[in-house]
Amino acid sequence: MSEARNRGSESTREVIVETALRLFRERGFDATTMRAIAAEAGVSVGNAYYYFESKEALIQAYYDRAQAEHEAACREFLATETSFAARLSGVLREWVRVSEPYHEFAVKFFKHAAEPTNPLSPFSKQSSPAREASIAIYRQVVEGSRDRMNAELREELPELLWLLSMGMVLFWVHDTSPGCARTYRLIEVTVPLVDRLVGLSHLPGLRGITKDFIAAVHELRA
């Protein structure tokens, strides 16, 4: 009985999320109310609030879903590919591919996520589960690579790659090219540069520069 109830609860939750995302795309985040979401989902307002305390919580659910889809899309090639550049390129390209259905929504929503104090910012405390899950994918990129790189840089690289991906997200939000072709091109030209820099980091002549860079990262993070 409890399993059936849990399945029903999860189904209701998914219906609310799907409905909210559709209304956000159609009407915009600001113009969509929890009452409207509940009405469209066929549940009471109280039931909607039972599952999600606010519209912001619905966006966090979207973050979690998008992250799970991205992780699943990357799983197969990360299990077999050992080249750092190929692993990084594949992860970035898969993010663009799985995010494509949400592109129009992201364009309308980005002004909220871009506010530093907004709980919907990818850097906020509320977004930390999705952020940590995303960094974990880039940790897999690094740990599964057989390419040589500076050991200290290897420790810092997952978060740095996540920050790189945030820059790509900003570019993607503003990309109006068919099929986000310009974003794919950005990945194509950026990954080899990152790969070369990472590959050079273990060379004796560049270890000092790498150490200074890592020290700067630590200082800015603090």
Protein backbone atom coordinates (compact mmCIF):
# COMPACT_ATOMS: atom_id res chain seq x y z
CA MET A 1 0.00 0.00 0.00
CA SER A 2 2.78 2.42 0.90
CA GLU A 3 4.60 1.66 -2.38
CA ALA A 4 1.49 2.49 -4.36
CA ARG A 5 1.09 5.70 -2.37
CA ASN A 6 4.72 6.62 -3.01
CA ARG A 7 4.30 6.00 -6.74
CA GLY A 8 1.19 8.17 -6.71
CA SER A 9 3.00 10.93 -4.84
CA GLU A 10 5.93 10.83 -7.28
CA SER A 11 3.52 10.90 -10.23
CA THR A 12 1.72 13.94 -8.81
CA ARG A 13 5.04 15.64 -8.19
CA GLU A 14 6.16 15.05 -11.78
CA VAL A 15 2.87 16.38 -13.15
CA ILE A 16 3.31 19.58 -11.14
CA VAL A 17 6.90 20.01 -12.36
CA GLU A 18 5.95 19.38 -16.01
CA THR A 19 3.05 21.80 -15.76
CA ALA A 20 5.16 24.49 -14.11
CA LEU A 21 7.90 24.25 -16.74
CA ARG A 22 5.34 24.50 -19.54
CA LEU A 23 3.71 27.56 -17.99
CA PHE A 24 7.09 29.16 -17.31
CA ARG A 25 7.93 28.73 -20.99
CA GLU A 26 4.56 30.04 -22.17
CA ARG A 27 3.95 32.88 -19.72
CA GLY A 28 7.30 33.56 -18.11
CA PHE A 29 8.39 32.94 -14.54
CA ASP A 30 7.04 36.18 -13.07
CA ALA A 31 3.59 35.88 -14.66
CA THR A 32 3.03 32.29 -13.54
CA THR A 33 1.45 31.79 -10.12
CA MET A 34 1.30 28.69 -7.95
CA ARG A 35 -2.49 28.88 -8.26
CA ALA A 36 -2.24 28.73 -12.05
CA ILE A 37 0.18 25.81 -11.85
CA ALA A 38 -2.15 23.92 -9.52
CA ALA A 39 -5.18 24.56 -11.75
CA GLU A 40 -3.37 23.40 -14.89
CA ALA A 41 -1.97 20.33 -13.09
CA GLY A 42 -5.40 19.37 -11.79
CA VAL A 43 -4.49 19.56 -8.11
CA SER A 44 -5.51 21.83 -5.28
CA VAL A 45 -3.35 24.85 -4.39
CA GLY A 46 -2.70 23.26 -1.00
CA ASN A 47 -1.52 20.07 -2.69
CA ALA A 48 0.81 22.03 -4.94
CA TYR A 49 2.32 23.74 -1.91
CA TYR A 50 2.59 20.37 -0.16
CA TYR A 51 5.06 19.24 -2.82
CA PHE A 52 6.71 22.60 -3.54
CA GLU A 53 6.81 25.48 -1.09
CA SER A 54 7.34 28.07 -3.83
CA LYS A 55 7.95 28.64 -7.54
CA GLU A 56 11.64 28.78 -6.71
CA ALA A 57 11.44 25.22 -5.37
CA LEU A 58 10.01 24.17 -8.73
CA ILE A 59 13.02 25.66 -10.49
CA GLN A 60 15.30 23.73 -8.14
CA ALA A 61 13.41 20.60 -9.19
CA TYR A 62 14.14 21.54 -12.80
CA TYR A 63 17.83 21.93 -11.95
CA ASP A 64 17.84 18.48 -10.35
CA ARG A 65 16.05 16.90 -13.31
CA ALA A 66 18.32 18.54 -15.89
CA GLN A 67 21.37 17.42 -13.93
CA ALA A 68 20.12 13.83 -13.75
CA GLU A 69 19.48 13.82 -17.51
CA HIS A 70 22.95 15.19 -18.17
CA GLU A 71 24.59 12.59 -15.95
CA ALA A 72 22.71 9.76 -17.67
CA ALA A 73 23.65 11.08 -21.11
CA CYS A 74 27.36 11.14 -20.17
CA ARG A 75 27.54 7.79 -18.42
CA GLU A 76 28.32 5.53 -21.38
CA PHE A 77 31.16 7.45 -23.00
CA LEU A 78 32.73 8.38 -19.65
CA ALA A 79 32.92 4.67 -18.91
CA THR A 80 35.07 4.00 -22.00
CA GLU A 81 36.77 7.21 -23.18
CA THR A 82 40.13 8.04 -21.55
CA SER A 83 41.23 11.18 -23.40
CA PHE A 84 40.77 14.31 -21.31
CA ALA A 85 39.79 16.46 -24.32
CA ALA A 86 37.28 13.91 -25.60
CA ARG A 87 35.75 13.47 -22.13
CA LEU A 88 35.41 17.22 -21.59
CA SER A 89 34.05 17.87 -25.07
CA GLY A 90 31.55 15.05 -24.72
CA VAL A 91 30.24 16.29 -21.37
CA LEU A 92 29.83 19.86 -22.64
CA ARG A 93 28.17 18.77 -25.88
CA GLU A 94 25.77 16.47 -24.04
CA TRP A 95 24.77 19.33 -21.77
CA VAL A 96 23.78 21.43 -24.79
CA ARG A 97 21.89 18.51 -26.32
CA VAL A 98 19.82 17.60 -23.23
CA SER A 99 19.17 21.28 -22.48
CA GLU A 100 17.84 22.08 -25.95
CA PRO A 101 14.14 21.61 -25.01
CA TYR A 102 14.57 24.24 -22.27
CA HIS A 103 16.39 26.85 -24.35
CA GLU A 104 13.46 29.20 -24.81
CA PHE A 105 12.58 28.90 -21.13
CA ALA A 106 16.19 29.59 -20.12
CA VAL A 107 16.26 32.79 -22.17
CA LYS A 108 13.22 34.12 -20.29
CA PHE A 109 14.36 32.85 -16.92
CA PHE A 110 18.04 33.84 -17.02
CA LYS A 111 17.53 37.30 -15.52
CA HIS A 112 16.54 35.62 -12.24
CA ALA A 113 19.40 33.13 -12.21
CA ALA A 114 21.90 35.90 -13.02
CA GLU A 115 21.09 37.88 -9.85
CA PRO A 116 23.86 37.09 -7.30
CA THR A 117 21.50 37.15 -4.31
CA ASN A 118 18.69 35.20 -5.97
CA PRO A 119 18.20 31.67 -4.55
CA LEU A 120 17.88 30.50 -8.17
CA SER A 121 21.45 31.50 -8.94
CA PRO A 122 23.62 28.43 -9.68
CA PHE A 123 25.98 29.80 -7.02
CA SER A 124 23.35 30.02 -4.27
CA LYS A 125 23.09 27.81 -1.20
CA GLN A 126 19.73 26.51 -2.45
CA SER A 127 21.33 25.38 -5.71
CA SER A 128 24.17 23.55 -3.99
CA PRO A 129 22.83 19.99 -4.58
CA ALA A 130 22.61 20.52 -8.36
CA ARG A 131 25.91 22.41 -8.35
CA GLU A 132 27.75 19.66 -6.47
CA ALA A 133 26.24 17.02 -8.76
CA SER A 134 27.46 18.96 -11.78
CA ILE A 135 30.97 19.38 -10.34
CA ALA A 136 30.94 15.61 -9.70
CA ILE A 137 30.56 15.00 -13.44
CA TYR A 138 33.64 17.13 -14.13
CA ARG A 139 35.42 15.21 -11.39
CA GLN A 140 34.68 12.09 -13.39
CA VAL A 141 36.08 13.80 -16.49
CA VAL A 142 39.36 14.43 -14.67
CA GLU A 143 39.66 11.20 -12.70
CA GLY A 144 38.88 9.00 -15.69
CA SER A 145 41.46 10.71 -17.90
CA ARG A 146 44.81 9.04 -18.50
CA ASP A 147 46.43 12.27 -19.71
CA ARG A 148 49.29 13.65 -17.66
CA MET A 149 48.63 16.79 -15.65
CA ASN A 150 49.88 18.58 -12.56
CA ALA A 151 48.69 16.75 -9.43
CA GLU A 152 47.64 19.93 -7.61
CA LEU A 153 45.78 21.17 -10.67
CA ARG A 154 44.03 17.82 -10.97
CA GLU A 155 42.49 18.43 -7.52
CA GLU A 156 41.20 21.88 -8.48
CA LEU A 157 40.20 21.12 -12.04
CA PRO A 158 36.64 19.77 -11.53
CA GLU A 159 35.41 23.05 -10.04
CA LEU A 160 37.33 25.09 -12.61
CA LEU A 161 35.74 23.09 -15.42
CA TRP A 162 32.32 23.67 -13.86
CA LEU A 163 33.03 27.41 -13.89
CA LEU A 164 34.01 27.07 -17.55
CA SER A 165 30.67 25.38 -18.17
CA MET A 166 28.89 28.31 -16.52
CA GLY A 167 30.48 30.62 -19.08
CA MET A 168 29.26 28.30 -21.80
CA VAL A 169 25.74 28.39 -20.34
CA LEU A 170 25.77 32.19 -20.55
CA PHE A 171 26.85 31.98 -24.20
CA TRP A 172 24.17 29.33 -24.88
CA VAL A 173 21.41 31.46 -23.36
CA HIS A 174 22.17 34.21 -25.88
CA ASP A 175 22.80 31.85 -28.80
CA THR A 176 20.17 32.32 -31.53
CA SER A 177 21.93 30.21 -34.17
CA PRO A 178 20.05 27.20 -35.61
CA GLY A 179 20.46 24.24 -33.29
CA CYS A 180 22.78 26.34 -31.09
CA ALA A 181 25.51 25.76 -33.67
CA ARG A 182 27.62 28.61 -32.28
CA THR A 183 27.64 27.03 -28.81
CA TYR A 184 28.85 23.74 -30.28
CA ARG A 185 31.52 25.70 -32.15
CA LEU A 186 32.54 27.40 -28.90
CA ILE A 187 33.09 23.96 -27.36
CA GLU A 188 35.03 22.87 -30.43
CA VAL A 189 37.51 25.74 -30.21
CA THR A 190 37.72 26.02 -26.41
CA VAL A 191 38.34 22.40 -25.38
CA PRO A 192 41.64 22.02 -27.30
CA LEU A 193 42.95 25.18 -25.60
CA VAL A 194 42.00 23.89 -22.15
CA ASP A 195 43.50 20.51 -23.03
CA ARG A 196 46.83 22.10 -24.04
CA LEU A 197 47.01 24.22 -20.89
CA VAL A 198 46.23 21.24 -18.66
CA GLY A 199 48.74 19.10 -20.54
CA LEU A 200 51.49 21.68 -20.10
CA SER A 201 50.85 22.07 -16.37
CA HIS A 202 53.10 19.14 -15.38
CA LEU A 203 56.16 20.42 -17.26
CA PRO A 204 59.00 21.64 -15.00
CA GLY A 205 59.11 25.12 -16.54
CA LEU A 206 55.42 25.72 -15.93
CA ARG A 207 54.97 24.20 -12.49
CA GLY A 208 55.63 27.54 -10.81
CA ILE A 209 52.99 29.26 -12.92
CA THR A 210 50.53 26.45 -12.16
CA LYS A 211 51.24 26.77 -8.44
CA ASP A 212 50.70 30.55 -8.57
CA PHE A 213 47.44 30.05 -10.43
CA ILE A 214 46.17 27.55 -7.87
CA ALA A 215 47.16 29.90 -5.04
CA ALA A 216 45.15 32.68 -6.69
CA VAL A 217 42.14 30.35 -6.98
CA HIS A 218 42.38 29.52 -3.27
CA GLU A 219 42.62 33.18 -2.32
CA LEU A 220 39.63 34.20 -4.44
CA ARG A 221 37.57 31.29 -3.14
CA ALA A 222 38.25 32.35 0.45
